[in-house]
Amino acid sequence: MHVTLRVRAGVPSLRGGALVREWRRSLAEASERGNFRVTHYSLQGDHAHLIVEAKGKEALAAGMKSIAARLARAVNRVSRRSGAVLDGRYHHRLLRTPREVRRALAYVLLNARRHWAKARARQRPPPPRLDEASSARWFDGWRPEAAHRLPEAREDPEVARARSWLLRIGWRRHGLVDPTELPGLADAALA
């Protein structure tokens, strides 16, 4: 599933370095919970995208309750604030086909690039690089010619390994992900 969590107006950006570090630490403790796992994520200014696997509605609800609480606590700890952080419940979309999974992976892992391009429509897109506020460094589906540009990850991953066929193997039928893609803006590259 592709899950989106939004934060309330007035909450500091989720992309601050201290918050990203706190989120990684907290997520590492909860990314795999039996029938629920977070396999990829990206933090944006006012929302977070997650790719999750869950065995049923109950596993999804319990897992997302834990993840949402961890994100809220991380924001409040780092920002030295208290109170509500999230703007309602999460939104989720079931991914049923290899193509949907491939598109969701590119969308989540390259979301910062997408937002940058939308905000600067007349400028050239930035050079490809991994988003530090995402799990992109743990993704093993980048195109080989891009691999030399990717920094080496030195710590243990904060995300769980995918177990489902769709998220491990199936999506690859539609091509590995190129870090120069602009997902949602140029879907022609995925056809």
N, C-alpha and C. Protein backbone atom coordinates (compact mmCIF):
# COMPACT_ATOMS: atom_id res chain seq x y z
N MET A 1 0.82 -1.18 0.00
CA MET A 1 0.00 0.00 0.00
C MET A 1 0.87 1.25 0.00
N HIS A 2 0.35 2.27 -0.62
CA HIS A 2 0.96 3.59 -0.56
C HIS A 2 0.14 4.37 0.45
N VAL A 3 0.80 4.85 1.50
CA VAL A 3 0.12 5.56 2.58
C VAL A 3 0.66 6.97 2.67
N THR A 4 -0.24 7.93 2.89
CA THR A 4 0.16 9.32 3.07
C THR A 4 -0.34 9.81 4.42
N LEU A 5 0.56 10.46 5.17
CA LEU A 5 0.23 11.10 6.44
C LEU A 5 0.45 12.60 6.27
N ARG A 6 -0.53 13.42 6.60
CA ARG A 6 -0.39 14.87 6.50
C ARG A 6 -0.26 15.46 7.90
N VAL A 7 0.49 16.56 7.99
CA VAL A 7 0.61 17.25 9.28
C VAL A 7 -0.21 18.53 9.25
N ARG A 8 -0.55 19.01 10.42
CA ARG A 8 -1.36 20.22 10.56
C ARG A 8 -0.59 21.45 10.13
N ALA A 9 -1.31 22.48 9.77
CA ALA A 9 -0.70 23.78 9.47
C ALA A 9 0.01 24.27 10.73
N GLY A 10 1.15 24.89 10.55
CA GLY A 10 1.91 25.42 11.67
C GLY A 10 2.93 24.45 12.26
N VAL A 11 2.87 23.19 11.86
CA VAL A 11 3.85 22.22 12.32
C VAL A 11 5.13 22.42 11.50
N PRO A 12 6.30 22.40 12.14
CA PRO A 12 7.54 22.59 11.39
C PRO A 12 7.72 21.55 10.28
N SER A 13 8.52 21.89 9.30
CA SER A 13 8.78 20.99 8.17
C SER A 13 9.32 19.65 8.65
N LEU A 14 8.87 18.60 8.00
CA LEU A 14 9.35 17.25 8.33
C LEU A 14 10.74 16.99 7.76
N ARG A 15 11.27 17.92 6.96
CA ARG A 15 12.54 17.69 6.26
C ARG A 15 13.77 18.22 7.00
N GLY A 16 13.58 18.77 8.19
CA GLY A 16 14.73 19.26 8.95
C GLY A 16 15.66 18.12 9.34
N GLY A 17 16.96 18.38 9.32
CA GLY A 17 17.95 17.34 9.59
C GLY A 17 17.77 16.63 10.91
N ALA A 18 17.53 17.37 11.98
CA ALA A 18 17.36 16.75 13.29
C ALA A 18 16.11 15.88 13.32
N LEU A 19 15.04 16.34 12.69
CA LEU A 19 13.81 15.55 12.65
C LEU A 19 14.00 14.28 11.82
N VAL A 20 14.67 14.40 10.69
CA VAL A 20 14.92 13.21 9.85
C VAL A 20 15.71 12.17 10.65
N ARG A 21 16.73 12.59 11.37
CA ARG A 21 17.52 11.66 12.18
C ARG A 21 16.67 11.02 13.28
N GLU A 22 15.83 11.80 13.93
CA GLU A 22 14.97 11.27 14.99
C GLU A 22 13.94 10.30 14.40
N TRP A 23 13.39 10.62 13.24
CA TRP A 23 12.43 9.75 12.56
C TRP A 23 13.08 8.41 12.21
N ARG A 24 14.29 8.46 11.66
CA ARG A 24 15.00 7.21 11.30
C ARG A 24 15.20 6.33 12.52
N ARG A 25 15.64 6.93 13.62
CA ARG A 25 15.85 6.17 14.84
C ARG A 25 14.56 5.52 15.33
N SER A 26 13.50 6.30 15.34
CA SER A 26 12.21 5.80 15.81
C SER A 26 11.63 4.75 14.86
N LEU A 27 11.75 4.99 13.56
CA LEU A 27 11.22 4.04 12.58
C LEU A 27 11.95 2.71 12.64
N ALA A 28 13.26 2.74 12.88
CA ALA A 28 14.04 1.51 12.95
C ALA A 28 13.49 0.57 14.02
N GLU A 29 12.92 1.12 15.07
CA GLU A 29 12.36 0.31 16.16
C GLU A 29 11.00 -0.27 15.82
N ALA A 30 10.32 0.27 14.79
CA ALA A 30 8.94 -0.14 14.53
C ALA A 30 8.64 -0.47 13.08
N SER A 31 9.65 -0.53 12.22
CA SER A 31 9.35 -0.73 10.80
C SER A 31 8.85 -2.12 10.50
N GLU A 32 9.10 -3.07 11.37
CA GLU A 32 8.56 -4.41 11.17
C GLU A 32 7.88 -4.87 12.44
N ARG A 33 6.57 -5.12 12.32
CA ARG A 33 5.75 -5.51 13.46
C ARG A 33 4.89 -6.69 13.08
N GLY A 34 5.47 -7.86 12.93
CA GLY A 34 4.69 -9.04 12.60
C GLY A 34 4.06 -8.96 11.22
N ASN A 35 2.78 -8.65 11.18
CA ASN A 35 2.04 -8.61 9.92
C ASN A 35 2.03 -7.23 9.27
N PHE A 36 2.90 -6.34 9.71
CA PHE A 36 2.98 -4.98 9.17
C PHE A 36 4.45 -4.59 9.04
N ARG A 37 4.79 -3.98 7.90
CA ARG A 37 6.15 -3.46 7.75
C ARG A 37 6.17 -2.24 6.84
N VAL A 38 7.06 -1.30 7.18
CA VAL A 38 7.32 -0.13 6.36
C VAL A 38 8.55 -0.47 5.54
N THR A 39 8.40 -0.46 4.20
CA THR A 39 9.53 -0.83 3.34
C THR A 39 10.20 0.39 2.71
N HIS A 40 9.48 1.49 2.55
CA HIS A 40 10.06 2.73 2.01
C HIS A 40 9.27 3.92 2.51
N TYR A 41 9.92 5.09 2.51
CA TYR A 41 9.26 6.32 2.95
C TYR A 41 9.96 7.52 2.34
N SER A 42 9.27 8.65 2.37
CA SER A 42 9.89 9.94 2.12
C SER A 42 9.14 10.97 2.96
N LEU A 43 9.91 11.88 3.54
CA LEU A 43 9.35 12.97 4.32
C LEU A 43 9.38 14.22 3.46
N GLN A 44 8.26 14.90 3.39
CA GLN A 44 8.17 16.18 2.68
C GLN A 44 7.86 17.25 3.71
N GLY A 45 7.72 18.48 3.29
CA GLY A 45 7.49 19.56 4.23
C GLY A 45 6.29 19.35 5.13
N ASP A 46 5.15 19.00 4.55
CA ASP A 46 3.93 18.87 5.34
C ASP A 46 3.25 17.51 5.22
N HIS A 47 3.96 16.53 4.72
CA HIS A 47 3.40 15.18 4.63
C HIS A 47 4.50 14.14 4.51
N ALA A 48 4.11 12.91 4.74
CA ALA A 48 5.03 11.77 4.61
C ALA A 48 4.37 10.73 3.73
N HIS A 49 5.16 10.11 2.86
CA HIS A 49 4.70 9.00 2.03
C HIS A 49 5.37 7.73 2.54
N LEU A 50 4.61 6.65 2.59
CA LEU A 50 5.12 5.36 3.02
C LEU A 50 4.67 4.29 2.05
N ILE A 51 5.53 3.31 1.82
CA ILE A 51 5.13 2.08 1.15
C ILE A 51 5.14 1.03 2.25
N VAL A 52 4.00 0.40 2.48
CA VAL A 52 3.88 -0.57 3.57
C VAL A 52 3.30 -1.88 3.05
N GLU A 53 3.59 -2.94 3.77
CA GLU A 53 2.95 -4.24 3.57
C GLU A 53 2.17 -4.54 4.84
N ALA A 54 0.95 -5.00 4.70
CA ALA A 54 0.13 -5.35 5.85
C ALA A 54 -0.74 -6.54 5.49
N LYS A 55 -0.88 -7.46 6.42
CA LYS A 55 -1.76 -8.61 6.21
C LYS A 55 -3.11 -8.31 6.83
N GLY A 56 -3.92 -7.57 6.10
CA GLY A 56 -5.26 -7.29 6.55
C GLY A 56 -5.45 -5.90 7.14
N LYS A 57 -6.72 -5.55 7.30
CA LYS A 57 -7.09 -4.22 7.80
C LYS A 57 -6.62 -3.98 9.22
N GLU A 58 -6.73 -5.01 10.06
CA GLU A 58 -6.33 -4.85 11.46
C GLU A 58 -4.83 -4.59 11.57
N ALA A 59 -4.03 -5.33 10.81
CA ALA A 59 -2.57 -5.13 10.83
C ALA A 59 -2.22 -3.74 10.32
N LEU A 60 -2.91 -3.29 9.27
CA LEU A 60 -2.66 -1.94 8.73
C LEU A 60 -3.02 -0.89 9.78
N ALA A 61 -4.17 -1.02 10.39
CA ALA A 61 -4.62 -0.03 11.38
C ALA A 61 -3.66 0.03 12.57
N ALA A 62 -3.28 -1.11 13.10
CA ALA A 62 -2.38 -1.13 14.26
C ALA A 62 -0.99 -0.61 13.88
N GLY A 63 -0.49 -1.02 12.73
CA GLY A 63 0.83 -0.56 12.29
C GLY A 63 0.86 0.93 12.04
N MET A 64 -0.16 1.46 11.39
CA MET A 64 -0.20 2.89 11.09
C MET A 64 -0.42 3.71 12.36
N LYS A 65 -1.15 3.17 13.31
CA LYS A 65 -1.32 3.88 14.58
C LYS A 65 0.05 4.06 15.25
N SER A 66 0.85 3.01 15.24
CA SER A 66 2.18 3.08 15.83
C SER A 66 3.08 4.04 15.06
N ILE A 67 3.08 3.96 13.73
CA ILE A 67 3.94 4.81 12.91
C ILE A 67 3.53 6.28 13.04
N ALA A 68 2.22 6.55 13.01
CA ALA A 68 1.74 7.93 13.15
C ALA A 68 2.12 8.50 14.51
N ALA A 69 2.00 7.72 15.56
CA ALA A 69 2.37 8.18 16.90
C ALA A 69 3.87 8.45 16.98
N ARG A 70 4.67 7.61 16.35
CA ARG A 70 6.12 7.82 16.35
C ARG A 70 6.51 9.09 15.60
N LEU A 71 5.84 9.33 14.48
CA LEU A 71 6.13 10.55 13.73
C LEU A 71 5.74 11.78 14.55
N ALA A 72 4.58 11.74 15.17
CA ALA A 72 4.12 12.88 15.99
C ALA A 72 5.06 13.13 17.17
N ARG A 73 5.47 12.06 17.85
CA ARG A 73 6.40 12.23 18.98
C ARG A 73 7.75 12.77 18.51
N ALA A 74 8.23 12.30 17.36
CA ALA A 74 9.50 12.79 16.82
C ALA A 74 9.42 14.29 16.53
N VAL A 75 8.33 14.72 15.90
CA VAL A 75 8.15 16.14 15.59
C VAL A 75 8.13 16.95 16.88
N ASN A 76 7.34 16.51 17.85
CA ASN A 76 7.22 17.26 19.10
C ASN A 76 8.53 17.28 19.89
N ARG A 77 9.25 16.17 19.91
CA ARG A 77 10.55 16.14 20.62
C ARG A 77 11.55 17.10 20.00
N VAL A 78 11.72 16.99 18.69
CA VAL A 78 12.72 17.80 18.00
C VAL A 78 12.34 19.28 18.02
N SER A 79 11.05 19.58 17.87
CA SER A 79 10.58 20.97 17.82
C SER A 79 10.33 21.56 19.20
N ARG A 80 10.47 20.75 20.23
CA ARG A 80 10.20 21.19 21.60
C ARG A 80 8.81 21.81 21.70
N ARG A 81 7.86 21.07 21.19
CA ARG A 81 6.47 21.53 21.22
C ARG A 81 5.61 20.40 21.75
N SER A 82 4.35 20.65 21.95
CA SER A 82 3.40 19.62 22.34
C SER A 82 2.13 19.83 21.55
N GLY A 83 1.30 18.85 21.59
CA GLY A 83 0.02 18.96 20.90
C GLY A 83 -0.05 18.11 19.66
N ALA A 84 -1.21 18.21 19.02
CA ALA A 84 -1.48 17.40 17.83
C ALA A 84 -0.54 17.78 16.69
N VAL A 85 -0.13 16.79 15.93
CA VAL A 85 0.77 16.99 14.80
C VAL A 85 0.08 16.62 13.49
N LEU A 86 -0.60 15.50 13.49
CA LEU A 86 -1.20 15.00 12.25
C LEU A 86 -2.54 15.65 11.96
N ASP A 87 -2.82 15.81 10.69
CA ASP A 87 -4.06 16.40 10.22
C ASP A 87 -5.01 15.27 9.81
N GLY A 88 -5.63 14.68 10.78
CA GLY A 88 -6.55 13.58 10.50
C GLY A 88 -5.85 12.25 10.38
N ARG A 89 -6.56 11.29 9.85
CA ARG A 89 -6.03 9.95 9.68
C ARG A 89 -5.18 9.86 8.43
N TYR A 90 -4.62 8.72 8.24
CA TYR A 90 -3.81 8.48 7.04
C TYR A 90 -4.72 8.17 5.85
N HIS A 91 -4.18 8.37 4.67
CA HIS A 91 -4.85 8.00 3.42
C HIS A 91 -4.04 6.85 2.84
N HIS A 92 -4.71 5.80 2.38
CA HIS A 92 -3.96 4.69 1.79
C HIS A 92 -4.56 4.26 0.46
N ARG A 93 -3.70 3.71 -0.36
CA ARG A 93 -4.10 3.21 -1.67
C ARG A 93 -3.48 1.83 -1.86
N LEU A 94 -4.31 0.85 -2.07
CA LEU A 94 -3.86 -0.51 -2.30
C LEU A 94 -3.19 -0.60 -3.66
N LEU A 95 -2.03 -1.20 -3.71
CA LEU A 95 -1.29 -1.39 -4.96
C LEU A 95 -1.48 -2.83 -5.40
N ARG A 96 -2.14 -3.01 -6.54
CA ARG A 96 -2.54 -4.35 -6.95
C ARG A 96 -1.71 -4.95 -8.08
N THR A 97 -1.05 -4.13 -8.86
CA THR A 97 -0.33 -4.64 -10.04
C THR A 97 1.14 -4.25 -9.99
N PRO A 98 1.99 -4.96 -10.72
CA PRO A 98 3.40 -4.57 -10.77
C PRO A 98 3.61 -3.13 -11.24
N ARG A 99 2.82 -2.68 -12.21
CA ARG A 99 2.96 -1.31 -12.69
C ARG A 99 2.60 -0.30 -11.60
N GLU A 100 1.53 -0.54 -10.84
CA GLU A 100 1.15 0.36 -9.75
C GLU A 100 2.25 0.43 -8.69
N VAL A 101 2.85 -0.71 -8.38
CA VAL A 101 3.92 -0.74 -7.38
C VAL A 101 5.13 0.03 -7.89
N ARG A 102 5.49 -0.17 -9.14
CA ARG A 102 6.63 0.53 -9.72
C ARG A 102 6.42 2.04 -9.69
N ARG A 103 5.24 2.47 -10.08
CA ARG A 103 4.93 3.90 -10.05
C ARG A 103 4.96 4.46 -8.64
N ALA A 104 4.42 3.70 -7.69
CA ALA A 104 4.41 4.15 -6.29
C ALA A 104 5.83 4.25 -5.73
N LEU A 105 6.67 3.28 -6.04
CA LEU A 105 8.06 3.34 -5.57
C LEU A 105 8.76 4.58 -6.11
N ALA A 106 8.64 4.83 -7.41
CA ALA A 106 9.27 6.01 -8.00
C ALA A 106 8.68 7.28 -7.39
N TYR A 107 7.37 7.32 -7.21
CA TYR A 107 6.71 8.49 -6.65
C TYR A 107 7.21 8.78 -5.24
N VAL A 108 7.28 7.77 -4.40
CA VAL A 108 7.70 7.96 -3.02
C VAL A 108 9.17 8.32 -2.94
N LEU A 109 10.02 7.56 -3.60
CA LEU A 109 11.47 7.76 -3.47
C LEU A 109 11.96 9.02 -4.17
N LEU A 110 11.23 9.49 -5.17
CA LEU A 110 11.63 10.68 -5.92
C LEU A 110 10.68 11.85 -5.68
N ASN A 111 9.94 11.81 -4.59
CA ASN A 111 8.92 12.82 -4.33
C ASN A 111 9.51 14.21 -4.12
N ALA A 112 10.64 14.32 -3.47
CA ALA A 112 11.25 15.63 -3.27
C ALA A 112 11.64 16.24 -4.62
N ARG A 113 12.14 15.42 -5.51
CA ARG A 113 12.50 15.88 -6.86
C ARG A 113 11.25 16.36 -7.60
N ARG A 114 10.16 15.64 -7.44
CA ARG A 114 8.89 16.01 -8.07
C ARG A 114 8.41 17.37 -7.55
N HIS A 115 8.44 17.56 -6.23
CA HIS A 115 8.00 18.84 -5.66
C HIS A 115 8.91 19.98 -6.13
N TRP A 116 10.21 19.72 -6.20
CA TRP A 116 11.16 20.74 -6.66
C TRP A 116 10.82 21.15 -8.09
N ALA A 117 10.57 20.17 -8.95
CA ALA A 117 10.26 20.46 -10.36
C ALA A 117 8.93 21.21 -10.50
N LYS A 118 7.93 20.84 -9.72
CA LYS A 118 6.65 21.54 -9.79
C LYS A 118 6.78 23.00 -9.37
N ALA A 119 7.58 23.26 -8.36
CA ALA A 119 7.74 24.63 -7.86
C ALA A 119 8.56 25.50 -8.82
N ARG A 120 9.37 24.87 -9.61
CA ARG A 120 10.25 25.61 -10.54
C ARG A 120 10.03 25.11 -11.96
N ALA A 121 8.83 25.22 -12.43
CA ALA A 121 8.42 24.63 -13.70
C ALA A 121 9.27 25.07 -14.89
N ARG A 122 9.81 26.24 -14.86
CA ARG A 122 10.56 26.72 -16.03
C ARG A 122 12.06 26.45 -15.93
N GLN A 123 12.49 25.95 -14.80
CA GLN A 123 13.92 25.66 -14.63
C GLN A 123 14.21 24.20 -14.93
N ARG A 124 15.46 23.94 -15.24
CA ARG A 124 15.88 22.55 -15.44
C ARG A 124 15.77 21.80 -14.12
N PRO A 125 15.42 20.51 -14.18
CA PRO A 125 15.36 19.74 -12.94
C PRO A 125 16.75 19.64 -12.32
N PRO A 126 16.79 19.43 -11.01
CA PRO A 126 18.08 19.32 -10.33
C PRO A 126 18.81 18.06 -10.78
N PRO A 127 20.12 18.01 -10.59
CA PRO A 127 20.82 16.77 -10.90
C PRO A 127 20.32 15.66 -9.99
N PRO A 128 20.33 14.45 -10.47
CA PRO A 128 19.80 13.36 -9.64
C PRO A 128 20.69 13.12 -8.42
N ARG A 129 20.03 12.99 -7.29
CA ARG A 129 20.73 12.62 -6.06
C ARG A 129 19.70 12.04 -5.11
N LEU A 130 20.16 11.25 -4.20
CA LEU A 130 19.25 10.64 -3.25
C LEU A 130 18.71 11.67 -2.27
N ASP A 131 17.44 11.54 -1.97
CA ASP A 131 16.80 12.40 -0.98
C ASP A 131 17.17 11.90 0.41
N GLU A 132 17.83 12.73 1.17
CA GLU A 132 18.27 12.36 2.52
C GLU A 132 17.09 12.13 3.46
N ALA A 133 15.93 12.68 3.12
CA ALA A 133 14.74 12.52 3.97
C ALA A 133 13.87 11.38 3.45
N SER A 134 14.53 10.34 2.93
CA SER A 134 13.80 9.18 2.41
C SER A 134 14.62 7.92 2.64
N SER A 135 14.04 6.80 2.27
CA SER A 135 14.74 5.51 2.37
C SER A 135 15.43 5.16 1.06
N ALA A 136 15.66 6.14 0.20
CA ALA A 136 16.23 5.89 -1.13
C ALA A 136 17.56 5.15 -1.07
N ARG A 137 18.35 5.38 -0.04
CA ARG A 137 19.66 4.73 0.02
C ARG A 137 19.55 3.24 0.26
N TRP A 138 18.39 2.76 0.69
CA TRP A 138 18.20 1.32 0.93
C TRP A 138 17.54 0.63 -0.25
N PHE A 139 17.13 1.40 -1.24
CA PHE A 139 16.40 0.85 -2.39
C PHE A 139 17.39 0.15 -3.32
N ASP A 140 17.07 -1.08 -3.70
CA ASP A 140 17.97 -1.85 -4.57
C ASP A 140 17.47 -1.92 -6.01
N GLY A 141 16.56 -1.04 -6.37
CA GLY A 141 15.99 -1.07 -7.71
C GLY A 141 16.37 0.10 -8.59
N TRP A 142 17.48 0.80 -8.27
CA TRP A 142 17.91 1.89 -9.13
C TRP A 142 18.55 1.31 -10.39
N ARG A 143 18.43 2.01 -11.50
CA ARG A 143 19.08 1.59 -12.75
C ARG A 143 20.58 1.51 -12.54
N PRO A 144 21.24 0.50 -13.13
CA PRO A 144 22.68 0.30 -12.90
C PRO A 144 23.54 1.51 -13.25
N GLU A 145 23.20 2.23 -14.31
CA GLU A 145 24.02 3.38 -14.68
C GLU A 145 23.94 4.51 -13.66
N ALA A 146 22.95 4.44 -12.76
CA ALA A 146 22.84 5.46 -11.72
C ALA A 146 23.54 5.03 -10.44
N ALA A 147 23.86 3.77 -10.33
CA ALA A 147 24.41 3.22 -9.08
C ALA A 147 25.70 3.92 -8.67
N HIS A 148 26.51 4.34 -9.61
CA HIS A 148 27.79 4.97 -9.25
C HIS A 148 27.59 6.34 -8.60
N ARG A 149 26.40 6.92 -8.73
CA ARG A 149 26.12 8.23 -8.15
C ARG A 149 25.52 8.14 -6.76
N LEU A 150 25.25 6.94 -6.29
CA LEU A 150 24.56 6.76 -5.03
C LEU A 150 25.55 6.59 -3.88
N PRO A 151 25.37 7.33 -2.81
CA PRO A 151 26.28 7.18 -1.67
C PRO A 151 26.10 5.83 -0.99
N GLU A 152 27.15 5.36 -0.41
CA GLU A 152 27.10 4.07 0.28
C GLU A 152 26.45 4.27 1.65
N ALA A 153 25.50 3.40 1.98
CA ALA A 153 24.85 3.45 3.29
C ALA A 153 25.74 2.74 4.30
N ARG A 154 25.99 3.38 5.42
CA ARG A 154 26.93 2.83 6.39
C ARG A 154 26.27 2.27 7.65
N GLU A 155 25.01 2.54 7.85
CA GLU A 155 24.34 2.06 9.05
C GLU A 155 23.28 1.03 8.67
N ASP A 156 22.63 0.45 9.68
CA ASP A 156 21.56 -0.50 9.42
C ASP A 156 20.33 0.23 8.91
N PRO A 157 19.57 -0.40 8.03
CA PRO A 157 18.38 0.27 7.49
C PRO A 157 17.30 0.47 8.55
N GLU A 158 16.59 1.56 8.41
CA GLU A 158 15.46 1.83 9.31
C GLU A 158 14.17 1.26 8.75
N VAL A 159 14.20 0.72 7.55
CA VAL A 159 13.03 0.13 6.92
C VAL A 159 13.18 -1.39 6.85
N ALA A 160 12.05 -2.06 6.72
CA ALA A 160 12.03 -3.53 6.64
C ALA A 160 12.19 -3.99 5.19
N ARG A 161 12.66 -5.19 5.03
CA ARG A 161 12.75 -5.78 3.70
C ARG A 161 11.35 -6.23 3.27
N ALA A 162 11.04 -5.98 2.01
CA ALA A 162 9.74 -6.40 1.48
C ALA A 162 9.65 -7.92 1.45
N ARG A 163 8.46 -8.43 1.65
CA ARG A 163 8.22 -9.88 1.57
C ARG A 163 7.30 -10.26 0.42
N SER A 164 6.46 -9.35 -0.01
CA SER A 164 5.49 -9.69 -1.06
C SER A 164 6.17 -9.76 -2.42
N TRP A 165 5.64 -10.62 -3.28
CA TRP A 165 6.18 -10.78 -4.63
C TRP A 165 6.13 -9.44 -5.38
N LEU A 166 5.03 -8.73 -5.27
CA LEU A 166 4.88 -7.46 -5.99
C LEU A 166 5.97 -6.46 -5.63
N LEU A 167 6.31 -6.37 -4.36
CA LEU A 167 7.26 -5.37 -3.90
C LEU A 167 8.71 -5.84 -3.97
N ARG A 168 8.94 -7.14 -4.06
CA ARG A 168 10.30 -7.64 -4.20
C ARG A 168 10.70 -7.81 -5.67
N ILE A 169 9.81 -8.39 -6.47
CA ILE A 169 10.16 -8.83 -7.82
C ILE A 169 9.24 -8.27 -8.90
N GLY A 170 7.94 -8.36 -8.68
CA GLY A 170 6.95 -8.07 -9.71
C GLY A 170 7.09 -6.72 -10.38
N TRP A 171 7.32 -5.67 -9.60
CA TRP A 171 7.39 -4.31 -10.16
C TRP A 171 8.52 -4.16 -11.16
N ARG A 172 9.57 -4.97 -11.03
CA ARG A 172 10.75 -4.87 -11.90
C ARG A 172 10.42 -5.18 -13.36
N ARG A 173 9.30 -5.80 -13.61
CA ARG A 173 8.87 -6.08 -14.99
C ARG A 173 8.70 -4.78 -15.80
N HIS A 174 8.52 -3.68 -15.11
CA HIS A 174 8.29 -2.40 -15.78
C HIS A 174 9.53 -1.50 -15.73
N GLY A 175 10.66 -2.07 -15.41
CA GLY A 175 11.91 -1.34 -15.46
C GLY A 175 12.37 -0.81 -14.12
N LEU A 176 13.69 -0.80 -13.96
CA LEU A 176 14.28 -0.23 -12.75
C LEU A 176 14.06 1.27 -12.73
N VAL A 177 14.20 1.87 -11.58
CA VAL A 177 13.91 3.29 -11.40
C VAL A 177 15.15 4.12 -11.72
N ASP A 178 14.96 5.14 -12.52
CA ASP A 178 16.02 6.08 -12.87
C ASP A 178 15.90 7.29 -11.96
N PRO A 179 16.97 7.68 -11.26
CA PRO A 179 16.88 8.83 -10.35
C PRO A 179 16.59 10.16 -11.05
N THR A 180 16.60 10.19 -12.38
CA THR A 180 16.28 11.43 -13.09
C THR A 180 14.79 11.54 -13.41
N GLU A 181 14.01 10.53 -13.09
CA GLU A 181 12.57 10.56 -13.36
C GLU A 181 11.89 11.67 -12.57
N LEU A 182 10.79 12.14 -13.11
CA LEU A 182 9.92 13.08 -12.41
C LEU A 182 8.55 12.42 -12.29
N PRO A 183 8.35 11.57 -11.30
CA PRO A 183 7.11 10.80 -11.18
C PRO A 183 5.89 11.70 -11.03
N GLY A 184 4.83 11.28 -11.68
CA GLY A 184 3.59 12.05 -11.62
C GLY A 184 3.59 13.23 -12.58
N LEU A 185 4.74 13.64 -13.05
CA LEU A 185 4.83 14.75 -14.01
C LEU A 185 5.17 14.23 -15.39
N ALA A 186 5.80 13.10 -15.45
CA ALA A 186 6.24 12.54 -16.73
C ALA A 186 6.03 11.04 -16.76
N ASP A 187 4.79 10.61 -16.60
CA ASP A 187 4.51 9.19 -16.57
C ASP A 187 4.80 8.50 -17.89
N ALA A 188 5.07 9.22 -18.93
CA ALA A 188 5.38 8.60 -20.21
C ALA A 188 6.62 7.72 -20.09
N ALA A 189 7.54 8.07 -19.20
CA ALA A 189 8.74 7.28 -19.02
C ALA A 189 8.44 5.91 -18.42
N LEU A 190 7.26 5.75 -17.84
CA LEU A 190 6.89 4.49 -17.21
C LEU A 190 6.08 3.59 -18.13
N ALA A 191 5.67 4.09 -19.26
CA ALA A 191 4.78 3.30 -20.13
C ALA A 191 5.49 2.12 -20.76
